[in-house]
C-alpha atoms as a PDB file:
ATOM      1  CA  MET A   1     -17.154   1.329  -5.474  1.00  0.00           C
ATOM      2  CA  SER A   2     -20.750   0.447  -6.293  1.00  0.00           C
ATOM      3  CA  VAL A   3     -19.652  -0.930  -9.690  1.00  0.00           C
ATOM      4  CA  ILE A   4     -16.954  -3.101  -8.084  1.00  0.00           C
ATOM      5  CA  TYR A   5     -19.341  -4.253  -5.372  1.00  0.00           C
ATOM      6  CA  GLY A   6     -21.913  -5.125  -8.015  1.00  0.00           C
ATOM      7  CA  PHE A   7     -19.379  -7.217  -9.925  1.00  0.00           C
ATOM      8  CA  LEU A   8     -18.365  -9.109  -6.782  1.00  0.00           C
ATOM      9  CA  GLU A   9     -22.006  -9.767  -5.909  1.00  0.00           C
ATOM     10  CA  SER A  10     -22.472 -11.341  -9.355  1.00  0.00           C
ATOM     11  CA  LEU A  11     -19.818 -13.966  -8.600  1.00  0.00           C
ATOM     12  CA  PRO A  12     -21.079 -17.388  -7.419  1.00  0.00           C
ATOM     13  CA  LEU A  13     -19.610 -17.024  -3.916  1.00  0.00           C
ATOM     14  CA  SER A  14     -21.849 -16.453  -0.934  1.00  0.00           C
ATOM     15  CA  MET A  15     -19.163 -14.541   0.949  1.00  0.00           C
ATOM     16  CA  PHE A  16     -19.707 -11.524  -1.321  1.00  0.00           C
ATOM     17  CA  GLN A  17     -23.151 -10.906   0.125  1.00  0.00           C
ATOM     18  CA  TYR A  18     -21.353  -9.078   2.948  1.00  0.00           C
ATOM     19  CA  ASP A  19     -19.712  -5.680   2.467  1.00  0.00           C
ATOM     20  CA  PHE A  20     -16.898  -6.506   4.885  1.00  0.00           C
ATOM     21  CA  MET A  21     -15.932  -9.518   2.735  1.00  0.00           C
ATOM     22  CA  LYS A  22     -15.918  -7.339  -0.374  1.00  0.00           C
ATOM     23  CA  ASN A  23     -13.600  -4.894   1.368  1.00  0.00           C
ATOM     24  CA  ALA A  24     -11.397  -7.755   2.563  1.00  0.00           C
ATOM     25  CA  PHE A  25     -11.206  -9.158  -0.967  1.00  0.00           C
ATOM     26  CA  LEU A  26     -10.232  -5.789  -2.421  1.00  0.00           C
ATOM     27  CA  ALA A  27      -7.639  -5.312   0.330  1.00  0.00           C
ATOM     28  CA  ALA A  28      -6.110  -8.683  -0.579  1.00  0.00           C
ATOM     29  CA  VAL A  29      -6.030  -7.667  -4.262  1.00  0.00           C
ATOM     30  CA  LEU A  30      -4.111  -4.504  -3.338  1.00  0.00           C
ATOM     31  CA  ILE A  31      -1.773  -5.987  -0.714  1.00  0.00           C
ATOM     32  CA  ALA A  32      -0.701  -9.005  -2.781  1.00  0.00           C
ATOM     33  CA  PRO A  33       0.960  -7.144  -5.709  1.00  0.00           C
ATOM     34  CA  LEU A  34       2.396  -4.567  -3.305  1.00  0.00           C
ATOM     35  CA  PHE A  35       4.103  -7.229  -1.218  1.00  0.00           C
ATOM     36  CA  ALA A  36       5.045  -9.246  -4.299  1.00  0.00           C
ATOM     37  CA  LEU A  37       6.993  -6.358  -5.789  1.00  0.00           C
ATOM     38  CA  LEU A  38       8.863  -5.538  -2.593  1.00  0.00           C
ATOM     39  CA  GLY A  39       9.270  -9.180  -1.649  1.00  0.00           C
ATOM     40  CA  THR A  40      11.324  -9.969  -4.753  1.00  0.00           C
ATOM     41  CA  MET A  41      13.984  -7.456  -3.759  1.00  0.00           C
ATOM     42  CA  ALA A  42      13.760  -8.371  -0.067  1.00  0.00           C
ATOM     43  CA  VAL A  43      14.505 -12.015  -0.914  1.00  0.00           C
ATOM     44  CA  ASN A  44      17.322 -11.053  -3.305  1.00  0.00           C
ATOM     45  CA  ASN A  45      18.892  -8.848  -0.634  1.00  0.00           C
ATOM     46  CA  LYS A  46      18.396 -11.411   2.151  1.00  0.00           C
ATOM     47  CA  MET A  47      16.205  -8.953   4.067  1.00  0.00           C
ATOM     48  CA  ALA A  48      13.571 -11.318   5.455  1.00  0.00           C
ATOM     49  CA  PHE A  49      14.421 -10.414   9.038  1.00  0.00           C
ATOM     50  CA  PHE A  50      14.408  -6.706   8.175  1.00  0.00           C
ATOM     51  CA  SER A  51      10.729  -6.667   7.278  1.00  0.00           C
ATOM     52  CA  ASP A  52      10.037  -8.716  10.414  1.00  0.00           C
ATOM     53  CA  ALA A  53      11.764  -6.060  12.507  1.00  0.00           C
ATOM     54  CA  LEU A  54       9.595  -3.369  10.938  1.00  0.00           C
ATOM     55  CA  GLY A  55       6.490  -5.370  11.753  1.00  0.00           C
ATOM     56  CA  HIS A  56       7.534  -5.696  15.379  1.00  0.00           C
ATOM     57  CA  SER A  57       8.290  -1.975  15.556  1.00  0.00           C
ATOM     58  CA  ALA A  58       4.632  -1.265  14.838  1.00  0.00           C
ATOM     59  CA  PHE A  59       3.900  -1.714  18.532  1.00  0.00           C
ATOM     60  CA  THR A  60       6.231   1.158  19.385  1.00  0.00           C
ATOM     61  CA  GLY A  61       4.585   3.318  16.721  1.00  0.00           C
ATOM     62  CA  ILE A  62       1.181   2.497  18.181  1.00  0.00           C
ATOM     63  CA  GLY A  63       2.486   3.263  21.671  1.00  0.00           C
ATOM     64  CA  LEU A  64       3.820   6.635  20.561  1.00  0.00           C
ATOM     65  CA  GLY A  65       0.477   7.365  18.922  1.00  0.00           C
ATOM     66  CA  VAL A  66      -1.281   6.608  22.203  1.00  0.00           C
ATOM     67  CA  LEU A  67       1.093   8.869  24.132  1.00  0.00           C
ATOM     68  CA  LEU A  68       0.433  11.650  21.631  1.00  0.00           C
ATOM     69  CA  GLY A  69      -3.310  11.170  22.058  1.00  0.00           C
ATOM     70  CA  LEU A  70      -3.977  10.138  18.461  1.00  0.00           C
ATOM     71  CA  ASP A  71      -7.249   8.310  17.814  1.00  0.00           C
ATOM     72  CA  ASN A  72      -5.692   6.543  14.828  1.00  0.00           C
ATOM     73  CA  PRO A  73      -2.022   5.691  15.477  1.00  0.00           C
ATOM     74  CA  ILE A  74      -1.238   4.996  11.806  1.00  0.00           C
ATOM     75  CA  LEU A  75       0.676   8.271  11.337  1.00  0.00           C
ATOM     76  CA  ALA A  76       2.873   7.634  14.376  1.00  0.00           C
ATOM     77  CA  THR A  77       3.367   4.049  13.251  1.00  0.00           C
ATOM     78  CA  LEU A  78       4.383   5.151   9.768  1.00  0.00           C
ATOM     79  CA  ALA A  79       6.779   7.779  11.094  1.00  0.00           C
ATOM     80  CA  PHE A  80       8.449   5.386  13.526  1.00  0.00           C
ATOM     81  CA  GLY A  81       8.648   2.606  10.928  1.00  0.00           C
ATOM     82  CA  ILE A  82      10.402   4.888   8.434  1.00  0.00           C
ATOM     83  CA  PHE A  83      12.726   6.192  11.164  1.00  0.00           C
ATOM     84  CA  LEU A  84      13.642   2.686  12.324  1.00  0.00           C
ATOM     85  CA  SER A  85      14.231   1.438   8.774  1.00  0.00           C
ATOM     86  CA  LEU A  86      16.676   4.277   8.131  1.00  0.00           C
ATOM     87  CA  VAL A  87      18.456   3.715  11.451  1.00  0.00           C
ATOM     88  CA  ILE A  88      18.854  -0.026  10.823  1.00  0.00           C
ATOM     89  CA  THR A  89      20.221   0.650   7.332  1.00  0.00           C
ATOM     90  CA  LYS A  90      22.686   3.209   8.734  1.00  0.00           C
ATOM     91  CA  VAL A  91      23.902   0.898  11.499  1.00  0.00           C
ATOM     92  CA  LYS A  92      24.239  -2.036   9.087  1.00  0.00           C
ATOM     93  CA  ALA A  93      26.402   0.075   6.776  1.00  0.00           C
ATOM     94  CA  ALA A  94      28.871   0.645   9.621  1.00  0.00           C
ATOM     95  CA  ASN A  95      29.700  -3.097   9.629  1.00  0.00           C
ATOM     96  CA  MET A  96      30.170  -3.163  13.395  1.00  0.00           C
ATOM     97  CA  ALA A  97      28.173  -6.391  13.718  1.00  0.00           C
ATOM     98  CA  SER A  98      26.479  -8.932  11.477  1.00  0.00           C
ATOM     99  CA  SER A  99      23.233  -7.878   9.797  1.00  0.00           C
ATOM    100  CA  ASP A 100      21.096 -10.513  11.509  1.00  0.00           C
ATOM    101  CA  THR A 101      22.426  -9.466  14.922  1.00  0.00           C
ATOM    102  CA  ILE A 102      21.684  -5.793  14.295  1.00  0.00           C
ATOM    103  CA  ILE A 103      18.192  -6.485  12.993  1.00  0.00           C
ATOM    104  CA  SER A 104      17.436  -8.841  15.897  1.00  0.00           C
ATOM    105  CA  VAL A 105      18.514  -6.220  18.439  1.00  0.00           C
ATOM    106  CA  PHE A 106      16.318  -3.523  16.896  1.00  0.00           C
ATOM    107  CA  SER A 107      13.396  -5.891  16.365  1.00  0.00           C
ATOM    108  CA  SER A 108      13.256  -7.199  19.926  1.00  0.00           C
ATOM    109  CA  SER A 109      13.934  -3.775  21.445  1.00  0.00           C
ATOM    110  CA  ALA A 110      11.273  -2.012  19.386  1.00  0.00           C
ATOM    111  CA  MET A 111       8.592  -4.563  20.190  1.00  0.00           C
ATOM    112  CA  ALA A 112       9.489  -4.591  23.885  1.00  0.00           C
ATOM    113  CA  LEU A 113       9.398  -0.799  24.043  1.00  0.00           C
ATOM    114  CA  GLY A 114       5.993  -0.741  22.386  1.00  0.00           C
ATOM    115  CA  ILE A 115       4.574  -3.319  24.791  1.00  0.00           C
ATOM    116  CA  VAL A 116       5.968  -1.393  27.779  1.00  0.00           C
ATOM    117  CA  ILE A 117       4.413   1.878  26.566  1.00  0.00           C
ATOM    118  CA  LEU A 118       1.036   0.301  25.825  1.00  0.00           C
ATOM    119  CA  SER A 119       0.897  -1.756  29.027  1.00  0.00           C
ATOM    120  CA  GLY A 120       1.919   1.278  31.075  1.00  0.00           C
ATOM    121  CA  SER A 121      -0.877   3.354  29.587  1.00  0.00           C
ATOM    122  CA  GLY A 122      -3.400   0.538  29.989  1.00  0.00           C
ATOM    123  CA  GLY A 123      -3.967   0.238  26.253  1.00  0.00           C
ATOM    124  CA  PHE A 124      -2.255  -3.033  25.406  1.00  0.00           C
ATOM    125  CA  SER A 125      -5.425  -5.136  25.278  1.00  0.00           C
ATOM    126  CA  LYS A 126      -7.033  -2.596  22.951  1.00  0.00           C
ATOM    127  CA  TYR A 127      -4.240  -2.899  20.416  1.00  0.00           C
ATOM    128  CA  SER A 128      -3.277  -6.558  20.872  1.00  0.00           C
ATOM    129  CA  SER A 129      -5.428  -7.336  17.805  1.00  0.00           C
ATOM    130  CA  TYR A 130      -2.600  -5.892  15.720  1.00  0.00           C
ATOM    131  CA  LEU A 131      -0.630  -9.058  16.492  1.00  0.00           C
ATOM    132  CA  ILE A 132      -2.767 -11.255  14.244  1.00  0.00           C
ATOM    133  CA  GLY A 133      -4.598  -8.577  12.262  1.00  0.00           C
ATOM    134  CA  ASP A 134      -8.108  -8.699  10.881  1.00  0.00           C
ATOM    135  CA  ILE A 135      -8.589  -8.025   7.187  1.00  0.00           C
ATOM    136  CA  LEU A 136     -12.345  -8.232   7.743  1.00  0.00           C
ATOM    137  CA  THR A 137     -12.262  -4.847   9.508  1.00  0.00           C
ATOM    138  CA  VAL A 138     -10.742  -3.002   6.540  1.00  0.00           C
ATOM    139  CA  SER A 139     -12.747   0.089   5.579  1.00  0.00           C
ATOM    140  CA  GLN A 140     -13.063   1.949   2.286  1.00  0.00           C
ATOM    141  CA  THR A 141     -10.681   4.569   3.666  1.00  0.00           C
ATOM    142  CA  ASP A 142      -8.115   1.826   4.311  1.00  0.00           C
ATOM    143  CA  LEU A 143      -8.583   0.618   0.743  1.00  0.00           C
ATOM    144  CA  LEU A 144      -7.901   4.113  -0.574  1.00  0.00           C
ATOM    145  CA  VAL A 145      -4.694   4.318   1.475  1.00  0.00           C
ATOM    146  CA  LEU A 146      -3.562   0.918   0.189  1.00  0.00           C
ATOM    147  CA  LEU A 147      -4.313   1.955  -3.394  1.00  0.00           C
ATOM    148  CA  LEU A 148      -2.299   5.161  -3.061  1.00  0.00           C
ATOM    149  CA  VAL A 149       0.639   3.284  -1.519  1.00  0.00           C
ATOM    150  CA  LEU A 150       0.474   0.656  -4.275  1.00  0.00           C
ATOM    151  CA  ILE A 151       0.526   3.327  -6.994  1.00  0.00           C
ATOM    152  CA  GLY A 152       3.351   5.204  -5.273  1.00  0.00           C
ATOM    153  CA  VAL A 153       5.501   2.090  -4.901  1.00  0.00           C
ATOM    154  CA  TYR A 154       4.972   1.048  -8.527  1.00  0.00           C
ATOM    155  CA  VAL A 155       5.902   4.539  -9.757  1.00  0.00           C
ATOM    156  CA  LEU A 156       9.101   4.542  -7.701  1.00  0.00           C
ATOM    157  CA  TRP A 157       9.828   1.003  -8.868  1.00  0.00           C
ATOM    158  CA  ALA A 158       9.482   2.012 -12.516  1.00  0.00           C
ATOM    159  CA  VAL A 159      11.852   4.949 -12.004  1.00  0.00           C
ATOM    160  CA  PHE A 160      14.518   3.207  -9.920  1.00  0.00           C
ATOM    161  CA  TYR A 161      14.185  -0.462 -10.890  1.00  0.00           C
ATOM    162  CA  ASN A 162      17.485  -0.790 -12.777  1.00  0.00           C
ATOM    163  CA  GLN A 163      19.426   0.843  -9.954  1.00  0.00           C
ATOM    164  CA  LEU A 164      17.704  -1.272  -7.306  1.00  0.00           C
ATOM    165  CA  LEU A 165      18.363  -4.438  -9.303  1.00  0.00           C
ATOM    166  CA  LEU A 166      22.048  -3.618  -9.730  1.00  0.00           C
ATOM    167  CA  LEU A 167      22.286  -2.808  -6.029  1.00  0.00           C
ATOM    168  CA  SER A 168      20.762  -6.185  -5.130  1.00  0.00           C
ATOM    169  CA  ILE A 169      23.317  -7.975  -7.325  1.00  0.00           C
ATOM    170  CA  ASN A 170      26.435  -6.272  -5.968  1.00  0.00           C
ATOM    171  CA  ARG A 171      26.706  -3.120  -3.861  1.00  0.00           C
ATOM    172  CA  SER A 172      30.274  -2.334  -4.958  1.00  0.00           C
ATOM    173  CA  LEU A 173      29.424  -2.877  -8.611  1.00  0.00           C
ATOM    174  CA  ALA A 174      26.409  -0.590  -8.295  1.00  0.00           C
ATOM    175  CA  ALA A 175      28.582   2.143  -6.757  1.00  0.00           C
ATOM    176  CA  SER A 176      31.147   1.787  -9.548  1.00  0.00           C
ATOM    177  CA  ARG A 177      28.370   2.264 -12.118  1.00  0.00           C
ATOM    178  CA  GLY A 178      27.343   5.565 -10.576  1.00  0.00           C
ATOM    179  CA  VAL A 179      24.416   4.305  -8.497  1.00  0.00           C
ATOM    180  CA  ARG A 180      23.895   6.335  -5.339  1.00  0.00           C
ATOM    181  CA  VAL A 181      23.740   3.235  -3.179  1.00  0.00           C
ATOM    182  CA  VAL A 182      22.859   4.906   0.114  1.00  0.00           C
ATOM    183  CA  LEU A 183      19.989   6.824  -1.485  1.00  0.00           C
ATOM    184  CA  MET A 184      18.692   3.694  -3.248  1.00  0.00           C
ATOM    185  CA  GLU A 185      18.889   1.656  -0.049  1.00  0.00           C
ATOM    186  CA  ASN A 186      16.983   4.334   1.824  1.00  0.00           C
ATOM    187  CA  ILE A 187      14.308   4.573  -0.866  1.00  0.00           C
ATOM    188  CA  PHE A 188      13.812   0.817  -0.810  1.00  0.00           C
ATOM    189  CA  VAL A 189      13.617   0.462   2.985  1.00  0.00           C
ATOM    190  CA  ILE A 190      11.178   3.387   3.166  1.00  0.00           C
ATOM    191  CA  MET A 191       8.948   1.658   0.593  1.00  0.00           C
ATOM    192  CA  VAL A 192       9.060  -1.541   2.662  1.00  0.00           C
ATOM    193  CA  ALA A 193       8.354   0.375   5.875  1.00  0.00           C
ATOM    194  CA  VAL A 194       5.321   2.164   4.420  1.00  0.00           C
ATOM    195  CA  ALA A 195       3.919  -1.034   2.871  1.00  0.00           C
ATOM    196  CA  VAL A 196       4.343  -2.970   6.101  1.00  0.00           C
ATOM    197  CA  MET A 197       2.850  -0.300   8.329  1.00  0.00           C
ATOM    198  CA  VAL A 198      -0.268   0.355   6.238  1.00  0.00           C
ATOM    199  CA  SER A 199      -0.913  -3.398   6.041  1.00  0.00           C
ATOM    200  CA  ILE A 200      -0.362  -4.259   9.715  1.00  0.00           C
ATOM    201  CA  ARG A 201      -4.023  -3.813  10.632  1.00  0.00           C
ATOM    202  CA  ALA A 202      -5.156  -6.245   7.939  1.00  0.00           C
ATOM    203  CA  ILE A 203      -2.461  -8.935   8.122  1.00  0.00           C
ATOM    204  CA  GLY A 204      -1.056  -8.634  11.637  1.00  0.00           C
ATOM    205  CA  ILE A 205       2.419  -8.194  13.081  1.00  0.00           C
ATOM    206  CA  LEU A 206       3.067 -11.917  13.409  1.00  0.00           C
ATOM    207  CA  MET A 207       2.018 -12.755   9.841  1.00  0.00           C
ATOM    208  CA  ILE A 208       3.036  -9.825   7.677  1.00  0.00           C
ATOM    209  CA  ASN A 209       6.663 -10.816   7.157  1.00  0.00           C
ATOM    210  CA  SER A 210       5.656 -14.278   5.942  1.00  0.00           C
ATOM    211  CA  LEU A 211       3.248 -12.885   3.363  1.00  0.00           C
ATOM    212  CA  LEU A 212       5.973 -10.538   2.139  1.00  0.00           C
ATOM    213  CA  ILE A 213       8.657 -13.227   1.776  1.00  0.00           C
ATOM    214  CA  LEU A 214       6.937 -16.553   0.979  1.00  0.00           C
ATOM    215  CA  PRO A 215       5.456 -15.743  -2.486  1.00  0.00           C
ATOM    216  CA  ALA A 216       8.796 -14.305  -3.628  1.00  0.00           C
ATOM    217  CA  ALA A 217      10.686 -17.291  -2.231  1.00  0.00           C
ATOM    218  CA  ALA A 218       8.309 -19.704  -3.986  1.00  0.00           C
ATOM    219  CA  ALA A 219       8.650 -17.862  -7.299  1.00  0.00           C
ATOM    220  CA  ARG A 220      12.423 -17.840  -7.001  1.00  0.00           C
ATOM    221  CA  ASN A 221      12.362 -21.634  -6.829  1.00  0.00           C
ATOM    222  CA  VAL A 222      11.019 -21.960 -10.358  1.00  0.00           C
ATOM    223  CA  THR A 223      12.116 -18.857 -12.294  1.00  0.00           C
ATOM    224  CA  ARG A 224      15.445 -17.700 -13.643  1.00  0.00           C
ATOM    225  CA  SER A 225      14.668 -14.378 -15.361  1.00  0.00           C
ATOM    226  CA  ALA A 226      13.981 -11.132 -13.497  1.00  0.00           C
ATOM    227  CA  ARG A 227      10.785 -10.526 -15.488  1.00  0.00           C
ATOM    228  CA  GLY A 228       9.445 -14.013 -14.820  1.00  0.00           C
ATOM    229  CA  TYR A 229      10.406 -13.703 -11.153  1.00  0.00           C
ATOM    230  CA  HIS A 230       8.364 -10.540 -10.670  1.00  0.00           C
ATOM    231  CA  TRP A 231       5.320 -11.770 -12.575  1.00  0.00           C
ATOM    232  CA  LEU A 232       5.223 -15.169 -10.882  1.00  0.00           C
ATOM    233  CA  THR A 233       5.680 -13.604  -7.455  1.00  0.00           C
ATOM    234  CA  THR A 234       2.655 -11.413  -8.146  1.00  0.00           C
ATOM    235  CA  VAL A 235       0.631 -14.452  -9.238  1.00  0.00           C
ATOM    236  CA  PHE A 236       1.679 -16.442  -6.175  1.00  0.00           C
ATOM    237  CA  GLY A 237       0.892 -13.467  -3.947  1.00  0.00           C
ATOM    238  CA  LEU A 238      -2.598 -13.090  -5.400  1.00  0.00           C
ATOM    239  CA  VAL A 239      -3.281 -16.824  -5.196  1.00  0.00           C
ATOM    240  CA  SER A 240      -2.107 -16.926  -1.569  1.00  0.00           C
ATOM    241  CA  ALA A 241      -4.147 -13.892  -0.544  1.00  0.00           C
ATOM    242  CA  LEU A 242      -7.386 -14.659  -2.401  1.00  0.00           C
ATOM    243  CA  ALA A 243      -7.396 -18.418  -1.858  1.00  0.00           C
ATOM    244  CA  GLY A 244      -6.451 -17.931   1.778  1.00  0.00           C
ATOM    245  CA  LEU A 245      -9.234 -15.398   2.289  1.00  0.00           C
ATOM    246  CA  THR A 246     -11.807 -17.670   0.659  1.00  0.00           C
ATOM    247  CA  ILE A 247     -10.695 -20.721   2.643  1.00  0.00           C
ATOM    248  CA  SER A 248     -10.755 -18.737   5.878  1.00  0.00           C
ATOM    249  CA  TYR A 249     -14.341 -17.598   5.229  1.00  0.00           C
ATOM    250  CA  TYR A 250     -15.746 -21.043   4.561  1.00  0.00           C
ATOM    251  CA  GLY A 251     -13.494 -22.732   7.124  1.00  0.00           C
ATOM    252  CA  ASP A 252     -14.079 -20.070   9.788  1.00  0.00           C
ATOM    253  CA  THR A 253     -10.345 -19.563  10.392  1.00  0.00           C
ATOM    254  CA  SER A 254      -8.049 -16.560  10.769  1.00  0.00           C
ATOM    255  CA  ALA A 255      -7.742 -14.838   7.375  1.00  0.00           C
ATOM    256  CA  GLY A 256      -4.145 -13.655   7.780  1.00  0.00           C
ATOM    257  CA  ALA A 257      -2.891 -17.002   9.053  1.00  0.00           C
ATOM    258  CA  THR A 258      -4.712 -18.896   6.291  1.00  0.00           C
ATOM    259  CA  MET A 259      -3.164 -16.637   3.642  1.00  0.00           C
ATOM    260  CA  VAL A 260       0.290 -17.348   5.042  1.00  0.00           C
ATOM    261  CA  LEU A 261      -0.341 -21.095   5.130  1.00  0.00           C
ATOM    262  CA  THR A 262      -1.484 -20.986   1.508  1.00  0.00           C
ATOM    263  CA  ALA A 263       1.745 -19.180   0.575  1.00  0.00           C
ATOM    264  CA  ALA A 264       3.713 -21.776   2.556  1.00  0.00           C
ATOM    265  CA  VAL A 265       2.054 -24.582   0.587  1.00  0.00           C
ATOM    266  CA  LEU A 266       3.089 -22.901  -2.672  1.00  0.00           C
ATOM    267  CA  PHE A 267       6.657 -22.690  -1.400  1.00  0.00           C
ATOM    268  CA  LEU A 268       6.665 -26.366  -0.400  1.00  0.00           C
ATOM    269  CA  ILE A 269       5.318 -27.355  -3.830  1.00  0.00           C
ATOM    270  CA  THR A 270       7.907 -25.326  -5.721  1.00  0.00           C
ATOM    271  CA  TYR A 271      10.877 -26.146  -3.497  1.00  0.00           C
ATOM    272  CA  PRO A 272      11.561 -29.601  -5.000  1.00  0.00           C
ATOM    273  CA  LEU A 273      11.259 -28.085  -8.491  1.00  0.00           C
ATOM    274  CA  GLY A 274      13.887 -25.518  -7.586  1.00  0.00           C
ATOM    275  CA  LYS A 275      16.275 -28.195  -6.320  1.00  0.00           C
ATOM    276  CA  TYR A 276      15.713 -30.233  -9.489  1.00  0.00           C
ATOM    277  CA  ARG A 277      16.558 -27.287 -11.767  1.00  0.00           C
ATOM    278  CA  LYS A 278      19.823 -26.464  -9.996  1.00  0.00           C
END
């Protein structure tokens, strides 16, 4: 880390005189490509509300962690996020109600349950910071976790990309080509759940879904190939995260919210281009 810190200190930006800004910058560098990769498939599969539901469920995971007496509720949050993602996928597959209805029910219920647990135990105010997040509090341990998750997701993506892409195009077609659709769906939602939960502390429950979806949506406006879509989403994600972090430092604003607004600006710029190319 000393080598990376030294490089950042050599850059002509005063914000890198502080270790917490260096950690925040590195967190943004790790979160952006992670969300970019998953965001492309989430947009293709019309799963924007799904990732939002997982973000809201973080409160229940935190509440369960408090009930279990855990100092760091991340393990409980991860476990509950993975469990909820699998349950939502299972219920959606039953086709008993529309996808947006199912996701809305789980999202609102999970967040309400978490708030009830935390307020009942007197710990809601302690964990309310998770709503907006604070990337400036990221530690080196958090960075290591993000790095491991990023590597894990990219390895799984390299192994299962073709099957995931075919599944996003047409579920029936994927099944006819021998793709184990249920397994692939579960692998994807687990990747999303893990990425969301480990990033909640930095980005916040209210902002995390936007940072996952907006760069991919902006890239989709101006690309037509799958390769270009993934690369441009990564670029847009990095620009949103790093520019937003820099603007928030010098403008004294919320880092997570500024990142999201930067991503929203990119979407607004590319939207007319997308309409023109259609």
